[in-house]
Amino acid sequence: MHIKRYAYLDHNATTNVTSHVRRKMNHVLKYCYGNPSSLYAFARKSYEIMEEARQQVADAIHAEPYEIYFTGCATESNNAALKSVSNFFYPKRKRSFHTGRTSLSD
């Protein structure tokens, strides 16, 4: 008997999640979709869920919650990383980054 095996190598695009994560996401997407940055009561629940997730990620990688950033896309993540590295090595310089069609300036 021959068993087919494959390796999925495109986790940057999407990845399979565990059933626990899927259940949590389904609940949040259905009932807790308020903007976590807003001040109204409905949004506060989203904020609490986001902070709980931040703490869980921090615990998993032995980091502090304030070190965890959630971004909406790879470009946003790349820009944040570039700006952070630049701020660390060149704190007094004015910077402008150009990555593809987007730019991030001080």
N, C-alpha and C. Protein backbone atom coordinates (compact mmCIF):
# COMPACT_ATOMS: atom_id res chain seq x y z
N MET A 1 0.84 -1.17 0.00
CA MET A 1 0.00 0.00 0.00
C MET A 1 0.89 1.25 0.00
N HIS A 2 0.56 2.18 -0.86
CA HIS A 2 1.33 3.43 -0.97
C HIS A 2 0.54 4.56 -0.31
N ILE A 3 1.17 5.25 0.65
CA ILE A 3 0.53 6.36 1.34
C ILE A 3 1.03 7.66 0.72
N LYS A 4 0.07 8.49 0.29
CA LYS A 4 0.44 9.79 -0.26
C LYS A 4 0.73 10.75 0.88
N ARG A 5 1.84 11.44 0.80
CA ARG A 5 2.20 12.45 1.78
C ARG A 5 2.45 13.76 1.04
N TYR A 6 2.16 14.82 1.71
CA TYR A 6 2.43 16.12 1.12
C TYR A 6 2.86 17.09 2.22
N ALA A 7 3.50 18.12 1.80
CA ALA A 7 3.92 19.17 2.73
C ALA A 7 3.29 20.48 2.27
N TYR A 8 2.52 21.08 3.13
CA TYR A 8 1.89 22.37 2.83
C TYR A 8 2.87 23.47 3.22
N LEU A 9 3.32 24.25 2.27
CA LEU A 9 4.38 25.23 2.52
C LEU A 9 3.92 26.68 2.36
N ASP A 10 2.63 26.91 2.27
CA ASP A 10 2.13 28.28 2.06
C ASP A 10 1.40 28.80 3.29
N HIS A 11 2.00 28.62 4.47
CA HIS A 11 1.36 29.08 5.71
C HIS A 11 1.27 30.59 5.81
N ASN A 12 2.01 31.32 4.98
CA ASN A 12 1.87 32.78 4.98
C ASN A 12 0.50 33.18 4.43
N ALA A 13 -0.03 32.38 3.54
CA ALA A 13 -1.34 32.70 2.94
C ALA A 13 -2.47 32.26 3.87
N THR A 14 -2.40 31.06 4.35
CA THR A 14 -3.42 30.52 5.24
C THR A 14 -2.89 29.23 5.86
N THR A 15 -3.49 28.83 6.93
CA THR A 15 -3.07 27.59 7.56
C THR A 15 -4.27 26.96 8.26
N ASN A 16 -4.23 25.67 8.43
CA ASN A 16 -5.29 24.97 9.12
C ASN A 16 -5.23 25.31 10.61
N VAL A 17 -6.37 25.38 11.25
CA VAL A 17 -6.40 25.67 12.69
C VAL A 17 -7.04 24.49 13.41
N THR A 18 -6.75 24.38 14.70
CA THR A 18 -7.32 23.29 15.50
C THR A 18 -8.81 23.56 15.70
N SER A 19 -9.53 22.52 16.08
CA SER A 19 -10.98 22.67 16.31
C SER A 19 -11.26 23.65 17.45
N HIS A 20 -10.39 23.68 18.47
CA HIS A 20 -10.56 24.63 19.57
C HIS A 20 -10.49 26.07 19.06
N VAL A 21 -9.48 26.36 18.24
CA VAL A 21 -9.31 27.70 17.67
C VAL A 21 -10.49 28.03 16.77
N ARG A 22 -10.92 27.07 15.95
CA ARG A 22 -12.05 27.29 15.04
C ARG A 22 -13.32 27.62 15.81
N ARG A 23 -13.59 26.92 16.91
CA ARG A 23 -14.79 27.20 17.72
C ARG A 23 -14.72 28.60 18.32
N LYS A 24 -13.56 28.96 18.85
CA LYS A 24 -13.39 30.29 19.44
C LYS A 24 -13.57 31.38 18.37
N MET A 25 -12.95 31.18 17.22
CA MET A 25 -13.08 32.16 16.14
C MET A 25 -14.52 32.29 15.67
N ASN A 26 -15.22 31.17 15.53
CA ASN A 26 -16.62 31.23 15.10
C ASN A 26 -17.46 32.03 16.09
N HIS A 27 -17.23 31.82 17.38
CA HIS A 27 -17.97 32.57 18.40
C HIS A 27 -17.66 34.07 18.29
N VAL A 28 -16.40 34.39 18.20
CA VAL A 28 -16.00 35.80 18.13
C VAL A 28 -16.55 36.46 16.86
N LEU A 29 -16.43 35.78 15.73
CA LEU A 29 -16.91 36.36 14.48
C LEU A 29 -18.42 36.55 14.48
N LYS A 30 -19.13 35.70 15.19
CA LYS A 30 -20.60 35.79 15.22
C LYS A 30 -21.11 36.78 16.28
N TYR A 31 -20.47 36.82 17.45
CA TYR A 31 -21.03 37.58 18.56
C TYR A 31 -20.18 38.75 19.06
N CYS A 32 -18.91 38.78 18.73
CA CYS A 32 -18.01 39.78 19.33
C CYS A 32 -17.23 40.52 18.26
N TYR A 33 -17.91 41.06 17.29
CA TYR A 33 -17.24 41.67 16.15
C TYR A 33 -17.07 43.18 16.27
N GLY A 34 -17.26 43.72 17.46
CA GLY A 34 -17.07 45.16 17.66
C GLY A 34 -15.61 45.55 17.50
N ASN A 35 -15.38 46.79 17.16
CA ASN A 35 -14.02 47.31 16.99
C ASN A 35 -13.34 47.38 18.35
N PRO A 36 -12.28 46.61 18.58
CA PRO A 36 -11.65 46.58 19.90
C PRO A 36 -11.01 47.91 20.31
N SER A 37 -10.86 48.82 19.37
CA SER A 37 -10.29 50.14 19.68
C SER A 37 -11.35 51.16 20.07
N SER A 38 -12.62 50.80 19.96
CA SER A 38 -13.70 51.73 20.30
C SER A 38 -14.03 51.66 21.78
N LEU A 39 -14.77 52.65 22.26
CA LEU A 39 -15.06 52.75 23.68
C LEU A 39 -16.44 52.25 24.08
N TYR A 40 -17.32 51.97 23.12
CA TYR A 40 -18.67 51.53 23.47
C TYR A 40 -18.66 50.10 24.02
N ALA A 41 -19.70 49.76 24.76
CA ALA A 41 -19.75 48.49 25.50
C ALA A 41 -19.56 47.26 24.60
N PHE A 42 -20.18 47.27 23.44
CA PHE A 42 -20.09 46.12 22.54
C PHE A 42 -18.64 45.88 22.13
N ALA A 43 -17.90 46.94 21.95
CA ALA A 43 -16.49 46.83 21.54
C ALA A 43 -15.60 46.37 22.69
N ARG A 44 -15.98 46.65 23.90
CA ARG A 44 -15.15 46.27 25.06
C ARG A 44 -14.94 44.75 25.11
N LYS A 45 -15.95 43.99 24.75
CA LYS A 45 -15.81 42.53 24.74
C LYS A 45 -14.75 42.11 23.72
N SER A 46 -14.75 42.75 22.56
CA SER A 46 -13.73 42.45 21.54
C SER A 46 -12.34 42.78 22.07
N TYR A 47 -12.24 43.91 22.77
CA TYR A 47 -10.96 44.31 23.35
C TYR A 47 -10.49 43.27 24.36
N GLU A 48 -11.39 42.80 25.22
CA GLU A 48 -11.02 41.79 26.22
C GLU A 48 -10.55 40.50 25.56
N ILE A 49 -11.22 40.09 24.51
CA ILE A 49 -10.82 38.88 23.79
C ILE A 49 -9.46 39.06 23.14
N MET A 50 -9.23 40.23 22.58
CA MET A 50 -7.95 40.52 21.94
C MET A 50 -6.82 40.50 22.97
N GLU A 51 -7.05 41.07 24.14
CA GLU A 51 -6.03 41.09 25.18
C GLU A 51 -5.79 39.68 25.74
N GLU A 52 -6.83 38.89 25.83
CA GLU A 52 -6.67 37.49 26.27
C GLU A 52 -5.79 36.74 25.26
N ALA A 53 -6.04 36.94 23.98
CA ALA A 53 -5.23 36.31 22.93
C ALA A 53 -3.79 36.79 23.00
N ARG A 54 -3.60 38.09 23.24
CA ARG A 54 -2.25 38.66 23.35
C ARG A 54 -1.49 37.98 24.49
N GLN A 55 -2.17 37.79 25.62
CA GLN A 55 -1.54 37.14 26.77
C GLN A 55 -1.21 35.69 26.46
N GLN A 56 -2.09 34.99 25.77
CA GLN A 56 -1.85 33.59 25.42
C GLN A 56 -0.64 33.45 24.49
N VAL A 57 -0.54 34.34 23.51
CA VAL A 57 0.61 34.30 22.60
C VAL A 57 1.89 34.62 23.37
N ALA A 58 1.84 35.63 24.21
CA ALA A 58 3.01 36.00 25.01
C ALA A 58 3.46 34.83 25.88
N ASP A 59 2.51 34.19 26.54
CA ASP A 59 2.85 33.04 27.39
C ASP A 59 3.48 31.92 26.57
N ALA A 60 2.95 31.69 25.37
CA ALA A 60 3.44 30.59 24.54
C ALA A 60 4.88 30.80 24.08
N ILE A 61 5.28 32.05 23.90
CA ILE A 61 6.64 32.31 23.40
C ILE A 61 7.53 32.98 24.45
N HIS A 62 7.07 32.96 25.71
CA HIS A 62 7.83 33.53 26.82
C HIS A 62 8.18 35.00 26.58
N ALA A 63 7.14 35.76 26.24
CA ALA A 63 7.30 37.20 26.00
C ALA A 63 6.35 37.95 26.93
N GLU A 64 6.43 39.26 26.88
CA GLU A 64 5.50 40.10 27.62
C GLU A 64 4.37 40.51 26.67
N PRO A 65 3.15 40.65 27.19
CA PRO A 65 2.03 41.03 26.31
C PRO A 65 2.27 42.31 25.52
N TYR A 66 2.96 43.28 26.09
CA TYR A 66 3.20 44.54 25.37
C TYR A 66 4.12 44.35 24.16
N GLU A 67 4.79 43.20 24.08
CA GLU A 67 5.67 42.91 22.95
C GLU A 67 4.93 42.27 21.78
N ILE A 68 3.67 41.95 21.96
CA ILE A 68 2.88 41.26 20.94
C ILE A 68 2.04 42.26 20.17
N TYR A 69 2.19 42.28 18.85
CA TYR A 69 1.42 43.14 17.97
C TYR A 69 0.62 42.28 17.01
N PHE A 70 -0.64 42.58 16.86
CA PHE A 70 -1.48 41.91 15.86
C PHE A 70 -1.63 42.87 14.69
N THR A 71 -1.41 42.37 13.49
CA THR A 71 -1.53 43.20 12.30
C THR A 71 -2.54 42.58 11.35
N GLY A 72 -2.96 43.36 10.38
CA GLY A 72 -3.99 42.91 9.45
C GLY A 72 -3.45 42.23 8.20
N CYS A 73 -2.16 42.38 7.94
CA CYS A 73 -1.62 41.80 6.71
C CYS A 73 -0.09 41.76 6.79
N ALA A 74 0.52 41.10 5.84
CA ALA A 74 1.98 40.96 5.82
C ALA A 74 2.66 42.31 5.61
N THR A 75 2.09 43.17 4.78
CA THR A 75 2.70 44.48 4.53
C THR A 75 2.75 45.29 5.81
N GLU A 76 1.66 45.27 6.56
CA GLU A 76 1.62 45.99 7.83
C GLU A 76 2.67 45.42 8.80
N SER A 77 2.80 44.11 8.84
CA SER A 77 3.80 43.47 9.70
C SER A 77 5.21 43.84 9.28
N ASN A 78 5.47 43.78 7.99
CA ASN A 78 6.80 44.12 7.48
C ASN A 78 7.14 45.58 7.79
N ASN A 79 6.18 46.48 7.58
CA ASN A 79 6.42 47.89 7.86
C ASN A 79 6.71 48.11 9.34
N ALA A 80 5.97 47.46 10.21
CA ALA A 80 6.20 47.60 11.65
C ALA A 80 7.58 47.09 12.03
N ALA A 81 7.99 45.97 11.45
CA ALA A 81 9.32 45.41 11.75
C ALA A 81 10.42 46.34 11.26
N LEU A 82 10.28 46.86 10.04
CA LEU A 82 11.28 47.78 9.50
C LEU A 82 11.39 49.05 10.35
N LYS A 83 10.26 49.60 10.73
CA LYS A 83 10.28 50.82 11.53
C LYS A 83 10.89 50.56 12.91
N SER A 84 10.57 49.42 13.50
CA SER A 84 11.10 49.08 14.81
C SER A 84 12.62 48.93 14.76
N VAL A 85 13.13 48.23 13.77
CA VAL A 85 14.58 48.04 13.64
C VAL A 85 15.26 49.38 13.39
N SER A 86 14.66 50.19 12.52
CA SER A 86 15.24 51.50 12.23
C SER A 86 15.24 52.39 13.47
N ASN A 87 14.15 52.39 14.23
CA ASN A 87 14.10 53.19 15.47
C ASN A 87 15.15 52.73 16.47
N PHE A 88 15.42 51.45 16.51
CA PHE A 88 16.41 50.92 17.45
C PHE A 88 17.83 51.35 17.06
N PHE A 89 18.17 51.17 15.78
CA PHE A 89 19.54 51.45 15.35
C PHE A 89 19.79 52.92 15.02
N TYR A 90 18.76 53.64 14.60
CA TYR A 90 18.92 55.04 14.20
C TYR A 90 17.80 55.88 14.83
N PRO A 91 17.80 56.04 16.15
CA PRO A 91 16.67 56.69 16.83
C PRO A 91 16.46 58.16 16.48
N LYS A 92 17.48 58.87 16.01
CA LYS A 92 17.34 60.31 15.76
C LYS A 92 17.20 60.66 14.29
N ARG A 93 17.20 59.69 13.42
CA ARG A 93 17.10 59.96 11.99
C ARG A 93 15.65 59.99 11.52
N LYS A 94 15.37 60.86 10.57
CA LYS A 94 14.07 60.86 9.92
C LYS A 94 14.10 59.74 8.88
N ARG A 95 13.01 58.99 8.82
CA ARG A 95 12.99 57.83 7.95
C ARG A 95 11.80 57.85 7.01
N SER A 96 11.98 57.20 5.89
CA SER A 96 10.89 56.94 4.95
C SER A 96 11.13 55.56 4.36
N PHE A 97 10.15 54.70 4.49
CA PHE A 97 10.26 53.34 3.94
C PHE A 97 9.30 53.21 2.77
N HIS A 98 9.74 52.53 1.75
CA HIS A 98 8.87 52.27 0.61
C HIS A 98 8.90 50.78 0.33
N THR A 99 7.76 50.15 0.52
CA THR A 99 7.68 48.70 0.31
C THR A 99 6.53 48.44 -0.66
N GLY A 100 6.87 48.16 -1.89
CA GLY A 100 5.84 47.93 -2.89
C GLY A 100 5.05 49.21 -3.14
N ARG A 101 3.74 49.13 -3.01
CA ARG A 101 2.87 50.27 -3.26
C ARG A 101 2.60 51.11 -2.02
N THR A 102 3.10 50.69 -0.89
CA THR A 102 2.81 51.43 0.35
C THR A 102 4.06 52.10 0.86
N SER A 103 3.89 53.13 1.65
CA SER A 103 5.05 53.76 2.30
C SER A 103 4.70 54.07 3.73
N LEU A 104 5.71 54.14 4.55
CA LEU A 104 5.56 54.41 5.97
C LEU A 104 6.59 55.46 6.33
N SER A 105 6.15 56.64 6.73
CA SER A 105 7.08 57.73 7.03
C SER A 105 6.88 58.23 8.44
N ASP A 106 7.93 58.78 9.03
CA ASP A 106 7.83 59.45 10.33
C ASP A 106 7.38 60.88 10.10
